Amino acid sequence: GGSLRLSCAASGHIFSSIAMGWFRQAPGKEREFVAAVSWSDGTTYYAD
């Protein structure tokens, strides 16, 4: 029920990409997509 705010500081040629995303990996599981935001217009996408 609590909250956290994660930050991602990026450097390099990040703006050559379409978007930035968050992913997560639990023990014994594959890494999965969580959310993404486009650099250009801020469009967001979320895992269900």
PDB file of all heavy atoms in Angstrom:
ATOM      1  N   GLY A   1       0.790  -1.218   0.000  1.00  0.00           N
ATOM      2  CA  GLY A   1       0.000   0.000   0.000  1.00  0.00           C
ATOM      3  C   GLY A   1       0.821   1.266   0.000  1.00  0.00           C
ATOM      4  O   GLY A   1       0.266   2.357  -0.210  1.00  0.00           O
ATOM      5  N   GLY A   2       2.115   1.139   0.210  1.00  0.00           N
ATOM      6  CA  GLY A   2       2.986   2.291   0.245  1.00  0.00           C
ATOM      7  C   GLY A   2       3.398   2.762  -1.129  1.00  0.00           C
ATOM      8  O   GLY A   2       2.965   2.235  -2.155  1.00  0.00           O
ATOM      9  N   SER A   3       4.282   3.762  -1.143  1.00  0.00           N
ATOM     10  CA  SER A   3       4.715   4.393  -2.385  1.00  0.00           C
ATOM     11  C   SER A   3       6.221   4.550  -2.423  1.00  0.00           C
ATOM     12  O   SER A   3       6.885   4.673  -1.387  1.00  0.00           O
ATOM     13  CB  SER A   3       4.076   5.775  -2.545  1.00  0.00           C
ATOM     14  OG  SER A   3       2.668   5.696  -2.622  1.00  0.00           O
ATOM     15  N   LEU A   4       6.759   4.555  -3.627  1.00  0.00           N
ATOM     16  CA  LEU A   4       8.153   4.862  -3.889  1.00  0.00           C
ATOM     17  C   LEU A   4       8.238   5.638  -5.190  1.00  0.00           C
ATOM     18  O   LEU A   4       7.388   5.483  -6.069  1.00  0.00           O
ATOM     19  CB  LEU A   4       9.005   3.601  -4.011  1.00  0.00           C
ATOM     20  CG  LEU A   4       9.382   2.843  -2.741  1.00  0.00           C
ATOM     21  CD1 LEU A   4      10.064   1.534  -3.110  1.00  0.00           C
ATOM     22  CD2 LEU A   4      10.297   3.680  -1.860  1.00  0.00           C
ATOM     23  N   ARG A   5       9.276   6.446  -5.309  1.00  0.00           N
ATOM     24  CA  ARG A   5       9.546   7.158  -6.552  1.00  0.00           C
ATOM     25  C   ARG A   5      10.950   6.812  -7.015  1.00  0.00           C
ATOM     26  O   ARG A   5      11.933   7.128  -6.343  1.00  0.00           O
ATOM     27  CB  ARG A   5       9.421   8.669  -6.364  1.00  0.00           C
ATOM     28  CG  ARG A   5       9.507   9.462  -7.668  1.00  0.00           C
ATOM     29  CD  ARG A   5       9.400  10.948  -7.392  1.00  0.00           C
ATOM     30  NE  ARG A   5       9.267  11.735  -8.604  1.00  0.00           N
ATOM     31  CZ  ARG A   5      10.028  12.786  -8.903  1.00  0.00           C
ATOM     32  NH1 ARG A   5      10.977  13.178  -8.056  1.00  0.00           N
ATOM     33  NH2 ARG A   5       9.826  13.452 -10.028  1.00  0.00           N
ATOM     34  N   LEU A   6      11.041   6.166  -8.153  1.00  0.00           N
ATOM     35  CA  LEU A   6      12.313   5.778  -8.722  1.00  0.00           C
ATOM     36  C   LEU A   6      12.790   6.830  -9.712  1.00  0.00           C
ATOM     37  O   LEU A   6      11.986   7.472 -10.390  1.00  0.00           O
ATOM     38  CB  LEU A   6      12.211   4.429  -9.436  1.00  0.00           C
ATOM     39  CG  LEU A   6      11.624   3.265  -8.645  1.00  0.00           C
ATOM     40  CD1 LEU A   6      11.695   1.991  -9.481  1.00  0.00           C
ATOM     41  CD2 LEU A   6      12.345   3.086  -7.316  1.00  0.00           C
ATOM     42  N   SER A   7      14.104   6.972  -9.802  1.00  0.00           N
ATOM     43  CA  SER A   7      14.702   7.889 -10.750  1.00  0.00           C
ATOM     44  C   SER A   7      15.708   7.146 -11.613  1.00  0.00           C
ATOM     45  O   SER A   7      16.363   6.210 -11.152  1.00  0.00           O
ATOM     46  CB  SER A   7      15.416   9.039 -10.029  1.00  0.00           C
ATOM     47  OG  SER A   7      14.506   9.820  -9.288  1.00  0.00           O
ATOM     48  N   CYS A   8      15.832   7.568 -12.842  1.00  0.00           N
ATOM     49  CA  CYS A   8      16.797   7.016 -13.777  1.00  0.00           C
ATOM     50  C   CYS A   8      17.542   8.161 -14.423  1.00  0.00           C
ATOM     51  O   CYS A   8      16.954   8.926 -15.197  1.00  0.00           O
ATOM     52  CB  CYS A   8      16.099   6.164 -14.832  1.00  0.00           C
ATOM     53  SG  CYS A   8      17.168   5.656 -16.200  1.00  0.00           S
ATOM     54  N   ALA A   9      18.811   8.276 -14.102  1.00  0.00           N
ATOM     55  CA  ALA A   9      19.666   9.279 -14.713  1.00  0.00           C
ATOM     56  C   ALA A   9      20.389   8.646 -15.890  1.00  0.00           C
ATOM     57  O   ALA A   9      21.107   7.657 -15.719  1.00  0.00           O
ATOM     58  CB  ALA A   9      20.659   9.823 -13.695  1.00  0.00           C
ATOM     59  N   ALA A  10      20.193   9.196 -17.064  1.00  0.00           N
ATOM     60  CA  ALA A  10      20.746   8.630 -18.284  1.00  0.00           C
ATOM     61  C   ALA A  10      21.756   9.573 -18.911  1.00  0.00           C
ATOM     62  O   ALA A  10      21.642  10.799 -18.801  1.00  0.00           O
ATOM     63  CB  ALA A  10      19.631   8.333 -19.286  1.00  0.00           C
ATOM     64  N   SER A  11      22.736   8.996 -19.555  1.00  0.00           N
ATOM     65  CA  SER A  11      23.716   9.773 -20.293  1.00  0.00           C
ATOM     66  C   SER A  11      24.096   9.020 -21.555  1.00  0.00           C
ATOM     67  O   SER A  11      23.827   7.826 -21.689  1.00  0.00           O
ATOM     68  CB  SER A  11      24.955  10.065 -19.446  1.00  0.00           C
ATOM     69  OG  SER A  11      25.606   8.866 -19.069  1.00  0.00           O
ATOM     70  N   GLY A  12      24.715   9.726 -22.477  1.00  0.00           N
ATOM     71  CA  GLY A  12      25.051   9.135 -23.760  1.00  0.00           C
ATOM     72  C   GLY A  12      24.044   9.541 -24.820  1.00  0.00           C
ATOM     73  O   GLY A  12      23.349  10.545 -24.676  1.00  0.00           O
ATOM     74  N   HIS A  13      23.958   8.739 -25.852  1.00  0.00           N
ATOM     75  CA  HIS A  13      23.100   9.068 -26.985  1.00  0.00           C
ATOM     76  C   HIS A  13      21.675   8.585 -26.781  1.00  0.00           C
ATOM     77  O   HIS A  13      21.116   7.855 -27.600  1.00  0.00           O
ATOM     78  CB  HIS A  13      23.698   8.492 -28.257  1.00  0.00           C
ATOM     79  CG  HIS A  13      25.044   9.048 -28.591  1.00  0.00           C
ATOM     80  ND1 HIS A  13      26.029   8.300 -29.198  1.00  0.00           N
ATOM     81  CD2 HIS A  13      25.571  10.272 -28.393  1.00  0.00           C
ATOM     82  CE1 HIS A  13      27.107   9.050 -29.369  1.00  0.00           C
ATOM     83  NE2 HIS A  13      26.858  10.260 -28.880  1.00  0.00           N
ATOM     84  N   ILE A  14      21.074   9.032 -25.697  1.00  0.00           N
ATOM     85  CA  ILE A  14      19.746   8.536 -25.351  1.00  0.00           C
ATOM     86  C   ILE A  14      18.663   9.069 -26.277  1.00  0.00           C
ATOM     87  O   ILE A  14      17.645   8.407 -26.480  1.00  0.00           O
ATOM     88  CB  ILE A  14      19.385   8.865 -23.893  1.00  0.00           C
ATOM     89  CG1 ILE A  14      19.463  10.369 -23.641  1.00  0.00           C
ATOM     90  CG2 ILE A  14      20.309   8.111 -22.950  1.00  0.00           C
ATOM     91  CD1 ILE A  14      18.985  10.778 -22.272  1.00  0.00           C
ATOM     92  N   PHE A  15      18.850  10.232 -26.832  1.00  0.00           N
ATOM     93  CA  PHE A  15      17.811  10.830 -27.668  1.00  0.00           C
ATOM     94  C   PHE A  15      17.761  10.248 -29.072  1.00  0.00           C
ATOM     95  O   PHE A  15      16.879  10.611 -29.849  1.00  0.00           O
ATOM     96  CB  PHE A  15      17.956  12.352 -27.711  1.00  0.00           C
ATOM     97  CG  PHE A  15      17.700  13.007 -26.394  1.00  0.00           C
ATOM     98  CD1 PHE A  15      18.732  13.590 -25.682  1.00  0.00           C
ATOM     99  CD2 PHE A  15      16.424  13.035 -25.852  1.00  0.00           C
ATOM    100  CE1 PHE A  15      18.505  14.197 -24.458  1.00  0.00           C
ATOM    101  CE2 PHE A  15      16.186  13.633 -24.628  1.00  0.00           C
ATOM    102  CZ  PHE A  15      17.234  14.217 -23.923  1.00  0.00           C
ATOM    103  N   SER A  16      18.657   9.350 -29.383  1.00  0.00           N
ATOM    104  CA  SER A  16      18.531   8.598 -30.620  1.00  0.00           C
ATOM    105  C   SER A  16      17.506   7.478 -30.485  1.00  0.00           C
ATOM    106  O   SER A  16      17.105   6.879 -31.481  1.00  0.00           O
ATOM    107  CB  SER A  16      19.885   8.021 -31.042  1.00  0.00           C
ATOM    108  OG  SER A  16      20.357   7.081 -30.100  1.00  0.00           O
ATOM    109  N   SER A  17      17.092   7.202 -29.266  1.00  0.00           N
ATOM    110  CA  SER A  17      16.071   6.199 -29.018  1.00  0.00           C
ATOM    111  C   SER A  17      14.687   6.819 -29.136  1.00  0.00           C
ATOM    112  O   SER A  17      14.534   8.037 -29.164  1.00  0.00           O
ATOM    113  CB  SER A  17      16.252   5.571 -27.642  1.00  0.00           C
ATOM    114  OG  SER A  17      16.069   6.542 -26.622  1.00  0.00           O
ATOM    115  N   ILE A  18      13.675   5.974 -29.199  1.00  0.00           N
ATOM    116  CA  ILE A  18      12.301   6.437 -29.307  1.00  0.00           C
ATOM    117  C   ILE A  18      11.742   6.844 -27.955  1.00  0.00           C
ATOM    118  O   ILE A  18      10.997   7.827 -27.836  1.00  0.00           O
ATOM    119  CB  ILE A  18      11.407   5.343 -29.938  1.00  0.00           C
ATOM    120  CG1 ILE A  18      11.928   4.966 -31.326  1.00  0.00           C
ATOM    121  CG2 ILE A  18       9.961   5.805 -30.013  1.00  0.00           C
ATOM    122  CD1 ILE A  18      11.932   6.121 -32.302  1.00  0.00           C
ATOM    123  N   ALA A  19      12.113   6.097 -26.928  1.00  0.00           N
ATOM    124  CA  ALA A  19      11.521   6.289 -25.615  1.00  0.00           C
ATOM    125  C   ALA A  19      12.453   5.752 -24.546  1.00  0.00           C
ATOM    126  O   ALA A  19      13.474   5.119 -24.838  1.00  0.00           O
ATOM    127  CB  ALA A  19      10.165   5.580 -25.544  1.00  0.00           C
ATOM    128  N   MET A  20      12.087   6.010 -23.309  1.00  0.00           N
ATOM    129  CA  MET A  20      12.734   5.400 -22.158  1.00  0.00           C
ATOM    130  C   MET A  20      11.716   4.535 -21.446  1.00  0.00           C
ATOM    131  O   MET A  20      10.533   4.872 -21.384  1.00  0.00           O
ATOM    132  CB  MET A  20      13.278   6.453 -21.208  1.00  0.00           C
ATOM    133  CG  MET A  20      14.498   7.189 -21.723  1.00  0.00           C
ATOM    134  SD  MET A  20      15.970   6.119 -21.810  1.00  0.00           S
ATOM    135  CE  MET A  20      16.246   5.772 -20.068  1.00  0.00           C
ATOM    136  N   GLY A  21      12.200   3.442 -20.908  1.00  0.00           N
ATOM    137  CA  GLY A  21      11.299   2.533 -20.232  1.00  0.00           C
ATOM    138  C   GLY A  21      11.836   2.035 -18.911  1.00  0.00           C
ATOM    139  O   GLY A  21      13.040   2.102 -18.635  1.00  0.00           O
ATOM    140  N   TRP A  22      10.924   1.549 -18.101  1.00  0.00           N
ATOM    141  CA  TRP A  22      11.247   0.860 -16.867  1.00  0.00           C
ATOM    142  C   TRP A  22      10.915  -0.614 -17.026  1.00  0.00           C
ATOM    143  O   TRP A  22       9.881  -0.964 -17.610  1.00  0.00           O
ATOM    144  CB  TRP A  22      10.465   1.433 -15.682  1.00  0.00           C
ATOM    145  CG  TRP A  22      10.996   2.736 -15.180  1.00  0.00           C
ATOM    146  CD1 TRP A  22      10.555   3.976 -15.496  1.00  0.00           C
ATOM    147  CD2 TRP A  22      12.074   2.914 -14.253  1.00  0.00           C
ATOM    148  NE1 TRP A  22      11.288   4.927 -14.821  1.00  0.00           N
ATOM    149  CE2 TRP A  22      12.227   4.302 -14.055  1.00  0.00           C
ATOM    150  CE3 TRP A  22      12.926   2.041 -13.571  1.00  0.00           C
ATOM    151  CZ2 TRP A  22      13.193   4.841 -13.207  1.00  0.00           C
ATOM    152  CZ3 TRP A  22      13.887   2.569 -12.727  1.00  0.00           C
ATOM    153  CH2 TRP A  22      14.008   3.954 -12.556  1.00  0.00           C
ATOM    154  N   PHE A  23      11.774  -1.454 -16.489  1.00  0.00           N
ATOM    155  CA  PHE A  23      11.633  -2.896 -16.531  1.00  0.00           C
ATOM    156  C   PHE A  23      11.913  -3.430 -15.136  1.00  0.00           C
ATOM    157  O   PHE A  23      12.536  -2.763 -14.326  1.00  0.00           O
ATOM    158  CB  PHE A  23      12.607  -3.504 -17.546  1.00  0.00           C
ATOM    159  CG  PHE A  23      12.497  -2.889 -18.910  1.00  0.00           C
ATOM    160  CD1 PHE A  23      13.100  -1.670 -19.197  1.00  0.00           C
ATOM    161  CD2 PHE A  23      11.777  -3.521 -19.914  1.00  0.00           C
ATOM    162  CE1 PHE A  23      12.994  -1.092 -20.456  1.00  0.00           C
ATOM    163  CE2 PHE A  23      11.663  -2.952 -21.173  1.00  0.00           C
ATOM    164  CZ  PHE A  23      12.268  -1.746 -21.446  1.00  0.00           C
ATOM    165  N   ARG A  24      11.471  -4.633 -14.861  1.00  0.00           N
ATOM    166  CA  ARG A  24      11.753  -5.212 -13.564  1.00  0.00           C
ATOM    167  C   ARG A  24      11.990  -6.706 -13.698  1.00  0.00           C
ATOM    168  O   ARG A  24      11.514  -7.351 -14.621  1.00  0.00           O
ATOM    169  CB  ARG A  24      10.620  -4.943 -12.573  1.00  0.00           C
ATOM    170  CG  ARG A  24       9.302  -5.620 -12.910  1.00  0.00           C
ATOM    171  CD  ARG A  24       8.213  -5.149 -11.956  1.00  0.00           C
ATOM    172  NE  ARG A  24       6.946  -5.809 -12.213  1.00  0.00           N
ATOM    173  CZ  ARG A  24       5.806  -5.486 -11.616  1.00  0.00           C
ATOM    174  NH1 ARG A  24       5.777  -4.497 -10.719  1.00  0.00           N
ATOM    175  NH2 ARG A  24       4.691  -6.151 -11.903  1.00  0.00           N
ATOM    176  N   GLN A  25      12.732  -7.230 -12.747  1.00  0.00           N
ATOM    177  CA  GLN A  25      13.037  -8.649 -12.736  1.00  0.00           C
ATOM    178  C   GLN A  25      12.983  -9.160 -11.303  1.00  0.00           C
ATOM    179  O   GLN A  25      13.745  -8.708 -10.447  1.00  0.00           O
ATOM    180  CB  GLN A  25      14.408  -8.933 -13.345  1.00  0.00           C
ATOM    181  CG  GLN A  25      14.715 -10.405 -13.501  1.00  0.00           C
ATOM    182  CD  GLN A  25      15.956 -10.648 -14.333  1.00  0.00           C
ATOM    183  OE1 GLN A  25      16.832  -9.788 -14.429  1.00  0.00           O
ATOM    184  NE2 GLN A  25      16.034 -11.809 -14.939  1.00  0.00           N
ATOM    185  N   ALA A  26      12.081 -10.076 -11.059  1.00  0.00           N
ATOM    186  CA  ALA A  26      11.976 -10.728  -9.769  1.00  0.00           C
ATOM    187  C   ALA A  26      12.841 -11.982  -9.773  1.00  0.00           C
ATOM    188  O   ALA A  26      13.132 -12.544 -10.838  1.00  0.00           O
ATOM    189  CB  ALA A  26      10.521 -11.085  -9.471  1.00  0.00           C
ATOM    190  N   PRO A  27      13.265 -12.455  -8.600  1.00  0.00           N
ATOM    191  CA  PRO A  27      14.088 -13.664  -8.548  1.00  0.00           C
ATOM    192  C   PRO A  27      13.422 -14.843  -9.245  1.00  0.00           C
ATOM    193  O   PRO A  27      12.244 -15.122  -9.022  1.00  0.00           O
ATOM    194  CB  PRO A  27      14.236 -13.919  -7.044  1.00  0.00           C
ATOM    195  CG  PRO A  27      14.092 -12.574  -6.423  1.00  0.00           C
ATOM    196  CD  PRO A  27      13.061 -11.873  -7.266  1.00  0.00           C
ATOM    197  N   GLY A  28      14.171 -15.508 -10.102  1.00  0.00           N
ATOM    198  CA  GLY A  28      13.658 -16.670 -10.800  1.00  0.00           C
ATOM    199  C   GLY A  28      12.730 -16.368 -11.959  1.00  0.00           C
ATOM    200  O   GLY A  28      12.181 -17.301 -12.557  1.00  0.00           O
ATOM    201  N   LYS A  29      12.544 -15.111 -12.297  1.00  0.00           N
ATOM    202  CA  LYS A  29      11.656 -14.730 -13.378  1.00  0.00           C
ATOM    203  C   LYS A  29      12.412 -13.929 -14.433  1.00  0.00           C
ATOM    204  O   LYS A  29      13.484 -13.384 -14.180  1.00  0.00           O
ATOM    205  CB  LYS A  29      10.475 -13.902 -12.855  1.00  0.00           C
ATOM    206  CG  LYS A  29       9.594 -14.633 -11.864  1.00  0.00           C
ATOM    207  CD  LYS A  29       8.427 -13.774 -11.409  1.00  0.00           C
ATOM    208  CE  LYS A  29       7.469 -13.482 -12.544  1.00  0.00           C
ATOM    209  NZ  LYS A  29       6.282 -12.697 -12.067  1.00  0.00           N
ATOM    210  N   GLU A  30      11.833 -13.865 -15.620  1.00  0.00           N
ATOM    211  CA  GLU A  30      12.411 -13.074 -16.694  1.00  0.00           C
ATOM    212  C   GLU A  30      12.157 -11.590 -16.454  1.00  0.00           C
ATOM    213  O   GLU A  30      11.194 -11.202 -15.788  1.00  0.00           O
ATOM    214  CB  GLU A  30      11.819 -13.487 -18.040  1.00  0.00           C
ATOM    215  CG  GLU A  30      12.099 -14.923 -18.444  1.00  0.00           C
ATOM    216  CD  GLU A  30      13.553 -15.159 -18.755  1.00  0.00           C
ATOM    217  OE1 GLU A  30      14.232 -14.226 -19.222  1.00  0.00           O
ATOM    218  OE2 GLU A  30      14.020 -16.286 -18.525  1.00  0.00           O
ATOM    219  N   ARG A  31      13.013 -10.781 -17.017  1.00  0.00           N
ATOM    220  CA  ARG A  31      12.807  -9.346 -16.958  1.00  0.00           C
ATOM    221  C   ARG A  31      11.553  -8.988 -17.758  1.00  0.00           C
ATOM    222  O   ARG A  31      11.327  -9.518 -18.849  1.00  0.00           O
ATOM    223  CB  ARG A  31      14.022  -8.610 -17.535  1.00  0.00           C
ATOM    224  CG  ARG A  31      14.098  -7.156 -17.110  1.00  0.00           C
ATOM    225  CD  ARG A  31      15.158  -6.363 -17.870  1.00  0.00           C
ATOM    226  NE  ARG A  31      16.347  -7.094 -18.196  1.00  0.00           N
ATOM    227  CZ  ARG A  31      17.494  -7.091 -17.506  1.00  0.00           C
ATOM    228  NH1 ARG A  31      17.589  -6.348 -16.402  1.00  0.00           N
ATOM    229  NH2 ARG A  31      18.531  -7.789 -17.916  1.00  0.00           N
ATOM    230  N   GLU A  32      10.727  -8.103 -17.229  1.00  0.00           N
ATOM    231  CA  GLU A  32       9.489  -7.737 -17.887  1.00  0.00           C
ATOM    232  C   GLU A  32       9.344  -6.225 -18.005  1.00  0.00           C
ATOM    233  O   GLU A  32       9.882  -5.461 -17.204  1.00  0.00           O
ATOM    234  CB  GLU A  32       8.276  -8.309 -17.132  1.00  0.00           C
ATOM    235  CG  GLU A  32       8.085  -7.733 -15.739  1.00  0.00           C
ATOM    236  CD  GLU A  32       6.830  -8.234 -15.054  1.00  0.00           C
ATOM    237  OE1 GLU A  32       5.945  -8.774 -15.739  1.00  0.00           O
ATOM    238  OE2 GLU A  32       6.734  -8.083 -13.815  1.00  0.00           O
ATOM    239  N   PHE A  33       8.594  -5.823 -19.001  1.00  0.00           N
ATOM    240  CA  PHE A  33       8.309  -4.420 -19.234  1.00  0.00           C
ATOM    241  C   PHE A  33       7.341  -3.895 -18.195  1.00  0.00           C
ATOM    242  O   PHE A  33       6.375  -4.567 -17.829  1.00  0.00           O
ATOM    243  CB  PHE A  33       7.719  -4.249 -20.640  1.00  0.00           C
ATOM    244  CG  PHE A  33       7.136  -2.894 -20.893  1.00  0.00           C
ATOM    245  CD1 PHE A  33       7.951  -1.810 -21.189  1.00  0.00           C
ATOM    246  CD2 PHE A  33       5.771  -2.697 -20.837  1.00  0.00           C
ATOM    247  CE1 PHE A  33       7.416  -0.555 -21.421  1.00  0.00           C
ATOM    248  CE2 PHE A  33       5.220  -1.452 -21.066  1.00  0.00           C
ATOM    249  CZ  PHE A  33       6.048  -0.379 -21.360  1.00  0.00           C
ATOM    250  N   VAL A  34       7.578  -2.676 -17.731  1.00  0.00           N
ATOM    251  CA  VAL A  34       6.712  -2.039 -16.748  1.00  0.00           C
ATOM    252  C   VAL A  34       6.022  -0.812 -17.336  1.00  0.00           C
ATOM    253  O   VAL A  34       4.799  -0.684 -17.285  1.00  0.00           O
ATOM    254  CB  VAL A  34       7.491  -1.646 -15.483  1.00  0.00           C
ATOM    255  CG1 VAL A  34       6.602  -0.873 -14.517  1.00  0.00           C
ATOM    256  CG2 VAL A  34       8.069  -2.884 -14.810  1.00  0.00           C
ATOM    257  N   ALA A  35       6.804   0.116 -17.868  1.00  0.00           N
ATOM    258  CA  ALA A  35       6.251   1.371 -18.373  1.00  0.00           C
ATOM    259  C   ALA A  35       7.245   2.027 -19.305  1.00  0.00           C
ATOM    260  O   ALA A  35       8.448   1.737 -19.258  1.00  0.00           O
ATOM    261  CB  ALA A  35       5.909   2.321 -17.214  1.00  0.00           C
ATOM    262  N   ALA A  36       6.772   2.920 -20.155  1.00  0.00           N
ATOM    263  CA  ALA A  36       7.635   3.656 -21.068  1.00  0.00           C
ATOM    264  C   ALA A  36       7.058   5.032 -21.320  1.00  0.00           C
ATOM    265  O   ALA A  36       5.841   5.253 -21.194  1.00  0.00           O
ATOM    266  CB  ALA A  36       7.796   2.908 -22.394  1.00  0.00           C
ATOM    267  N   VAL A  37       7.934   5.958 -21.680  1.00  0.00           N
ATOM    268  CA  VAL A  37       7.522   7.307 -22.038  1.00  0.00           C
ATOM    269  C   VAL A  37       8.348   7.760 -23.229  1.00  0.00           C
ATOM    270  O   VAL A  37       9.570   7.592 -23.240  1.00  0.00           O
ATOM    271  CB  VAL A  37       7.649   8.282 -20.843  1.00  0.00           C
ATOM    272  CG1 VAL A  37       9.087   8.347 -20.328  1.00  0.00           C
ATOM    273  CG2 VAL A  37       7.148   9.668 -21.225  1.00  0.00           C
ATOM    274  N   SER A  38       7.695   8.320 -24.237  1.00  0.00           N
ATOM    275  CA  SER A  38       8.411   8.773 -25.417  1.00  0.00           C
ATOM    276  C   SER A  38       9.125  10.085 -25.138  1.00  0.00           C
ATOM    277  O   SER A  38       8.637  10.930 -24.379  1.00  0.00           O
ATOM    278  CB  SER A  38       7.456   8.937 -26.601  1.00  0.00           C
ATOM    279  OG  SER A  38       6.566  10.028 -26.394  1.00  0.00           O
ATOM    280  N   TRP A  39      10.307  10.241 -25.749  1.00  0.00           N
ATOM    281  CA  TRP A  39      11.025  11.500 -25.599  1.00  0.00           C
ATOM    282  C   TRP A  39      10.308  12.644 -26.287  1.00  0.00           C
ATOM    283  O   TRP A  39      10.317  13.774 -25.806  1.00  0.00           O
ATOM    284  CB  TRP A  39      12.432  11.379 -26.182  1.00  0.00           C
ATOM    285  CG  TRP A  39      13.389  10.567 -25.390  1.00  0.00           C
ATOM    286  CD1 TRP A  39      14.062   9.453 -25.795  1.00  0.00           C
ATOM    287  CD2 TRP A  39      13.823  10.803 -24.042  1.00  0.00           C
ATOM    288  NE1 TRP A  39      14.882   8.984 -24.802  1.00  0.00           N
ATOM    289  CE2 TRP A  39      14.753   9.796 -23.710  1.00  0.00           C
ATOM    290  CE3 TRP A  39      13.511  11.781 -23.077  1.00  0.00           C
ATOM    291  CZ2 TRP A  39      15.375   9.729 -22.460  1.00  0.00           C
ATOM    292  CZ3 TRP A  39      14.121  11.708 -21.833  1.00  0.00           C
ATOM    293  CH2 TRP A  39      15.045  10.691 -21.545  1.00  0.00           C
ATOM    294  N   SER A  40       9.686  12.359 -27.438  1.00  0.00           N
ATOM    295  CA  SER A  40       9.170  13.420 -28.282  1.00  0.00           C
ATOM    296  C   SER A  40       7.947  14.118 -27.712  1.00  0.00           C
ATOM    297  O   SER A  40       7.911  15.347 -27.616  1.00  0.00           O
ATOM    298  CB  SER A  40       8.848  12.870 -29.675  1.00  0.00           C
ATOM    299  OG  SER A  40       7.899  11.824 -29.595  1.00  0.00           O
ATOM    300  N   ASP A  41       6.930  13.353 -27.341  1.00  0.00           N
ATOM    301  CA  ASP A  41       5.681  13.974 -26.910  1.00  0.00           C
ATOM    302  C   ASP A  41       5.180  13.496 -25.556  1.00  0.00           C
ATOM    303  O   ASP A  41       4.083  13.881 -25.130  1.00  0.00           O
ATOM    304  CB  ASP A  41       4.594  13.771 -27.967  1.00  0.00           C
ATOM    305  CG  ASP A  41       4.253  12.315 -28.206  1.00  0.00           C
ATOM    306  OD1 ASP A  41       4.787  11.445 -27.498  1.00  0.00           O
ATOM    307  OD2 ASP A  41       3.446  12.044 -29.115  1.00  0.00           O
ATOM    308  N   GLY A  42       5.953  12.661 -24.879  1.00  0.00           N
ATOM    309  CA  GLY A  42       5.569  12.232 -23.551  1.00  0.00           C
ATOM    310  C   GLY A  42       4.495  11.168 -23.501  1.00  0.00           C
ATOM    311  O   GLY A  42       3.951  10.911 -22.419  1.00  0.00           O
ATOM    312  N   THR A  43       4.188  10.544 -24.618  1.00  0.00           N
ATOM    313  CA  THR A  43       3.211   9.463 -24.624  1.00  0.00           C
ATOM    314  C   THR A  43       3.669   8.341 -23.702  1.00  0.00           C
ATOM    315  O   THR A  43       4.839   7.959 -23.723  1.00  0.00           O
ATOM    316  CB  THR A  43       3.007   8.922 -26.041  1.00  0.00           C
ATOM    317  OG1 THR A  43       2.557   9.978 -26.893  1.00  0.00           O
ATOM    318  CG2 THR A  43       1.977   7.797 -26.056  1.00  0.00           C
ATOM    319  N   THR A  44       2.765   7.825 -22.911  1.00  0.00           N
ATOM    320  CA  THR A  44       3.109   6.802 -21.929  1.00  0.00           C
ATOM    321  C   THR A  44       2.458   5.473 -22.263  1.00  0.00           C
ATOM    322  O   THR A  44       1.402   5.408 -22.898  1.00  0.00           O
ATOM    323  CB  THR A  44       2.699   7.236 -20.521  1.00  0.00           C
ATOM    324  OG1 THR A  44       1.294   7.525 -20.495  1.00  0.00           O
ATOM    325  CG2 THR A  44       3.472   8.474 -20.093  1.00  0.00           C
ATOM    326  N   TYR A  45       3.092   4.414 -21.790  1.00  0.00           N
ATOM    327  CA  TYR A  45       2.628   3.050 -21.980  1.00  0.00           C
ATOM    328  C   TYR A  45       2.863   2.303 -20.678  1.00  0.00           C
ATOM    329  O   TYR A  45       3.872   2.511 -20.011  1.00  0.00           O
ATOM    330  CB  TYR A  45       3.390   2.361 -23.119  1.00  0.00           C
ATOM    331  CG  TYR A  45       3.396   3.136 -24.412  1.00  0.00           C
ATOM    332  CD1 TYR A  45       4.349   4.117 -24.648  1.00  0.00           C
ATOM    333  CD2 TYR A  45       2.442   2.894 -25.394  1.00  0.00           C
ATOM    334  CE1 TYR A  45       4.358   4.839 -25.825  1.00  0.00           C
ATOM    335  CE2 TYR A  45       2.445   3.609 -26.578  1.00  0.00           C
ATOM    336  CZ  TYR A  45       3.400   4.577 -26.792  1.00  0.00           C
ATOM    337  OH  TYR A  45       3.398   5.290 -27.965  1.00  0.00           O
ATOM    338  N   TYR A  46       1.937   1.411 -20.334  1.00  0.00           N
ATOM    339  CA  TYR A  46       2.040   0.682 -19.087  1.00  0.00           C
ATOM    340  C   TYR A  46       1.681  -0.776 -19.269  1.00  0.00           C
ATOM    341  O   TYR A  46       0.787  -1.118 -20.043  1.00  0.00           O
ATOM    342  CB  TYR A  46       1.103   1.273 -18.031  1.00  0.00           C
ATOM    343  CG  TYR A  46       1.423   2.692 -17.656  1.00  0.00           C
ATOM    344  CD1 TYR A  46       0.775   3.757 -18.260  1.00  0.00           C
ATOM    345  CD2 TYR A  46       2.384   2.969 -16.684  1.00  0.00           C
ATOM    346  CE1 TYR A  46       1.071   5.067 -17.915  1.00  0.00           C
ATOM    347  CE2 TYR A  46       2.684   4.274 -16.333  1.00  0.00           C
ATOM    348  CZ  TYR A  46       2.026   5.315 -16.952  1.00  0.00           C
ATOM    349  OH  TYR A  46       2.325   6.619 -16.601  1.00  0.00           O
ATOM    350  N   ALA A  47       2.366  -1.619 -18.532  1.00  0.00           N
ATOM    351  CA  ALA A  47       1.940  -3.000 -18.425  1.00  0.00           C
ATOM    352  C   ALA A  47       0.618  -3.058 -17.676  1.00  0.00           C
ATOM    353  O   ALA A  47       0.347  -2.245 -16.786  1.00  0.00           O
ATOM    354  CB  ALA A  47       2.991  -3.830 -17.692  1.00  0.00           C
ATOM    355  N   ASP A  48      -0.216  -4.019 -18.034  1.00  0.00           N
ATOM    356  CA  ASP A  48      -1.516  -4.137 -17.381  1.00  0.00           C
ATOM    357  C   ASP A  48      -1.392  -4.288 -15.867  1.00  0.00           C
ATOM    358  O   ASP A  48      -2.248  -3.809 -15.117  1.00  0.00           O
ATOM    359  CB  ASP A  48      -2.285  -5.325 -17.951  1.00  0.00           C
ATOM    360  CG  ASP A  48      -2.785  -5.074 -19.357  1.00  0.00           C
ATOM    361  OD1 ASP A  48      -2.824  -3.905 -19.791  1.00  0.00           O
ATOM    362  OD2 ASP A  48      -3.148  -6.052 -20.036  1.00  0.00           O
TER     363      ASP A  48
END
